């Protein structure tokens, strides 16, 4: 983004890509944002606040959309659909498959 001829466009594309990733894989996107946030802190002298704001707007729109979708489907913005469907013990990770008694590989 810093070396690009159109850095504001790059910031918007980066934010939009992270926003789409958030809608599909929220936990993975949160972990991807950690090193990007650290890089933004390290490169803060080369980045203007406009770059950061333009990159954050699509991510915030995706967050609001994600929370609204969760609220519309489960009546709670922080409750994921698969947790509502399969129960409180069904969080992402290694756990028994909800349709059988055998653990997932």
C-alpha atoms as a PDB file:
ATOM      1  CA  UNK A   1       0.000   0.000   0.000  1.00  0.00           C
ATOM      2  CA  UNK A   2       2.869   2.353   0.800  1.00  0.00           C
ATOM      3  CA  UNK A   3       4.739   1.767  -2.471  1.00  0.00           C
ATOM      4  CA  UNK A   4       1.663   1.676  -4.692  1.00  0.00           C
ATOM      5  CA  UNK A   5       0.773   4.586  -6.980  1.00  0.00           C
ATOM      6  CA  UNK A   6      -2.798   4.592  -5.651  1.00  0.00           C
ATOM      7  CA  UNK A   7      -2.468   3.880  -1.929  1.00  0.00           C
ATOM      8  CA  UNK A   8      -6.031   4.867  -1.028  1.00  0.00           C
ATOM      9  CA  UNK A   9      -7.420   2.391  -3.564  1.00  0.00           C
ATOM     10  CA  UNK A  10      -5.127  -0.298  -2.138  1.00  0.00           C
ATOM     11  CA  UNK A  11      -6.336   0.475   1.376  1.00  0.00           C
ATOM     12  CA  UNK A  12      -9.956   0.157   0.257  1.00  0.00           C
ATOM     13  CA  UNK A  13      -9.307  -3.144  -1.523  1.00  0.00           C
ATOM     14  CA  UNK A  14      -7.456  -4.511   1.509  1.00  0.00           C
ATOM     15  CA  UNK A  15     -10.304  -3.493   3.807  1.00  0.00           C
ATOM     16  CA  UNK A  16     -12.918  -4.959   1.461  1.00  0.00           C
ATOM     17  CA  UNK A  17     -11.013  -8.250   1.234  1.00  0.00           C
ATOM     18  CA  UNK A  18     -10.773  -8.459   5.007  1.00  0.00           C
ATOM     19  CA  UNK A  19     -14.470  -7.598   5.282  1.00  0.00           C
ATOM     20  CA  UNK A  20     -15.461 -10.429   2.944  1.00  0.00           C
ATOM     21  CA  UNK A  21     -13.131 -12.783   4.811  1.00  0.00           C
ATOM     22  CA  UNK A  22     -14.770 -11.708   8.077  1.00  0.00           C
ATOM     23  CA  UNK A  23     -18.186 -12.713   6.776  1.00  0.00           C
ATOM     24  CA  UNK A  24     -16.892 -16.185   5.867  1.00  0.00           C
ATOM     25  CA  UNK A  25     -14.282 -16.935   8.545  1.00  0.00           C
ATOM     26  CA  UNK A  26     -14.536 -14.473  11.475  1.00  0.00           C
ATOM     27  CA  UNK A  27     -11.956 -16.110  13.772  1.00  0.00           C
ATOM     28  CA  UNK A  28      -9.373 -16.518  11.013  1.00  0.00           C
ATOM     29  CA  UNK A  29      -9.845 -12.910   9.936  1.00  0.00           C
ATOM     30  CA  UNK A  30      -9.352 -11.704  13.498  1.00  0.00           C
ATOM     31  CA  UNK A  31      -6.005 -13.504  13.615  1.00  0.00           C
ATOM     32  CA  UNK A  32      -5.012 -12.112  10.197  1.00  0.00           C
ATOM     33  CA  UNK A  33      -5.783  -8.573  11.401  1.00  0.00           C
ATOM     34  CA  UNK A  34      -3.330  -8.867  14.319  1.00  0.00           C
ATOM     35  CA  UNK A  35      -0.130  -8.785  12.194  1.00  0.00           C
ATOM     36  CA  UNK A  36      -1.690  -6.199   9.877  1.00  0.00           C
ATOM     37  CA  UNK A  37      -2.397  -3.987  12.890  1.00  0.00           C
ATOM     38  CA  UNK A  38       1.162  -4.430  14.130  1.00  0.00           C
ATOM     39  CA  UNK A  39       2.479  -3.555  10.663  1.00  0.00           C
ATOM     40  CA  UNK A  40       0.293  -0.421  10.626  1.00  0.00           C
ATOM     41  CA  UNK A  41       1.744   0.603  13.994  1.00  0.00           C
ATOM     42  CA  UNK A  42       5.313   0.001  12.804  1.00  0.00           C
ATOM     43  CA  UNK A  43       4.731   1.882   9.524  1.00  0.00           C
ATOM     44  CA  UNK A  44       2.660   4.665  11.078  1.00  0.00           C
ATOM     45  CA  UNK A  45       5.065   7.364   9.859  1.00  0.00           C
ATOM     46  CA  UNK A  46       4.568   6.235   6.252  1.00  0.00           C
ATOM     47  CA  UNK A  47       0.787   5.763   6.485  1.00  0.00           C
ATOM     48  CA  UNK A  48      -1.598   8.638   6.751  1.00  0.00           C
ATOM     49  CA  UNK A  49      -4.722   8.409   8.903  1.00  0.00           C
ATOM     50  CA  UNK A  50      -6.731   8.446   5.656  1.00  0.00           C
ATOM     51  CA  UNK A  51      -5.150   5.128   4.614  1.00  0.00           C
ATOM     52  CA  UNK A  52      -6.127   3.507   7.889  1.00  0.00           C
ATOM     53  CA  UNK A  53      -9.648   4.974   7.890  1.00  0.00           C
ATOM     54  CA  UNK A  54     -10.335   3.978   4.282  1.00  0.00           C
ATOM     55  CA  UNK A  55      -9.130   0.460   5.072  1.00  0.00           C
ATOM     56  CA  UNK A  56     -11.241   0.264   8.219  1.00  0.00           C
ATOM     57  CA  UNK A  57     -14.554   1.407   6.721  1.00  0.00           C
ATOM     58  CA  UNK A  58     -15.234  -1.814   4.730  1.00  0.00           C
ATOM     59  CA  UNK A  59     -14.196  -3.915   7.727  1.00  0.00           C
ATOM     60  CA  UNK A  60     -16.600  -2.001   9.989  1.00  0.00           C
ATOM     61  CA  UNK A  61     -19.405  -2.356   7.433  1.00  0.00           C
ATOM     62  CA  UNK A  62     -18.755  -6.118   7.331  1.00  0.00           C
ATOM     63  CA  UNK A  63     -18.746  -6.268  11.155  1.00  0.00           C
ATOM     64  CA  UNK A  64     -22.111  -4.490  11.370  1.00  0.00           C
ATOM     65  CA  UNK A  65     -23.496  -6.741   8.620  1.00  0.00           C
ATOM     66  CA  UNK A  66     -22.220  -9.843  10.410  1.00  0.00           C
ATOM     67  CA  UNK A  67     -23.723  -8.781  13.733  1.00  0.00           C
ATOM     68  CA  UNK A  68     -27.039  -7.886  12.069  1.00  0.00           C
ATOM     69  CA  UNK A  69     -27.134 -11.280  10.328  1.00  0.00           C
ATOM     70  CA  UNK A  70     -26.457 -13.082  13.601  1.00  0.00           C
ATOM     71  CA  UNK A  71     -29.188 -11.055  15.292  1.00  0.00           C
ATOM     72  CA  UNK A  72     -31.659 -11.791  12.507  1.00  0.00           C
ATOM     73  CA  UNK A  73     -30.998 -15.533  12.603  1.00  0.00           C
ATOM     74  CA  UNK A  74     -30.338 -16.247  16.305  1.00  0.00           C
ATOM     75  CA  UNK A  75     -31.783 -13.202  18.111  1.00  0.00           C
ATOM     76  CA  UNK A  76     -28.338 -12.403  19.543  1.00  0.00           C
ATOM     77  CA  UNK A  77     -25.618 -10.526  17.620  1.00  0.00           C
ATOM     78  CA  UNK A  78     -22.744 -12.512  19.129  1.00  0.00           C
ATOM     79  CA  UNK A  79     -24.327 -15.969  18.823  1.00  0.00           C
ATOM     80  CA  UNK A  80     -23.254 -17.881  15.714  1.00  0.00           C
ATOM     81  CA  UNK A  81     -25.792 -20.007  13.885  1.00  0.00           C
ATOM     82  CA  UNK A  82     -23.882 -23.267  14.269  1.00  0.00           C
ATOM     83  CA  UNK A  83     -23.682 -22.761  18.037  1.00  0.00           C
ATOM     84  CA  UNK A  84     -27.425 -22.058  18.177  1.00  0.00           C
ATOM     85  CA  UNK A  85     -28.143 -25.134  16.068  1.00  0.00           C
ATOM     86  CA  UNK A  86     -25.766 -27.649  17.669  1.00  0.00           C
ATOM     87  CA  UNK A  87     -25.530 -26.363  21.247  1.00  0.00           C
ATOM     88  CA  UNK A  88     -23.117 -24.520  23.507  1.00  0.00           C
ATOM     89  CA  UNK A  89     -20.457 -27.244  23.364  1.00  0.00           C
ATOM     90  CA  UNK A  90     -20.081 -26.858  19.582  1.00  0.00           C
ATOM     91  CA  UNK A  91     -17.459 -24.146  19.176  1.00  0.00           C
ATOM     92  CA  UNK A  92     -14.971 -24.070  16.292  1.00  0.00           C
ATOM     93  CA  UNK A  93     -12.119 -26.506  16.685  1.00  0.00           C
ATOM     94  CA  UNK A  94     -11.775 -30.178  17.455  1.00  0.00           C
ATOM     95  CA  UNK A  95     -14.952 -31.647  18.893  1.00  0.00           C
ATOM     96  CA  UNK A  96     -17.241 -34.571  18.224  1.00  0.00           C
ATOM     97  CA  UNK A  97     -19.267 -34.227  15.044  1.00  0.00           C
ATOM     98  CA  UNK A  98     -22.829 -33.108  15.913  1.00  0.00           C
ATOM     99  CA  UNK A  99     -24.369 -35.852  13.733  1.00  0.00           C
ATOM    100  CA  UNK A 100     -22.375 -38.787  15.202  1.00  0.00           C
ATOM    101  CA  UNK A 101     -20.646 -39.962  18.347  1.00  0.00           C
ATOM    102  CA  UNK A 102     -17.243 -40.180  16.638  1.00  0.00           C
ATOM    103  CA  UNK A 103     -14.760 -37.288  16.782  1.00  0.00           C
ATOM    104  CA  UNK A 104     -13.911 -35.461  13.600  1.00  0.00           C
ATOM    105  CA  UNK A 105     -10.508 -36.220  12.042  1.00  0.00           C
END
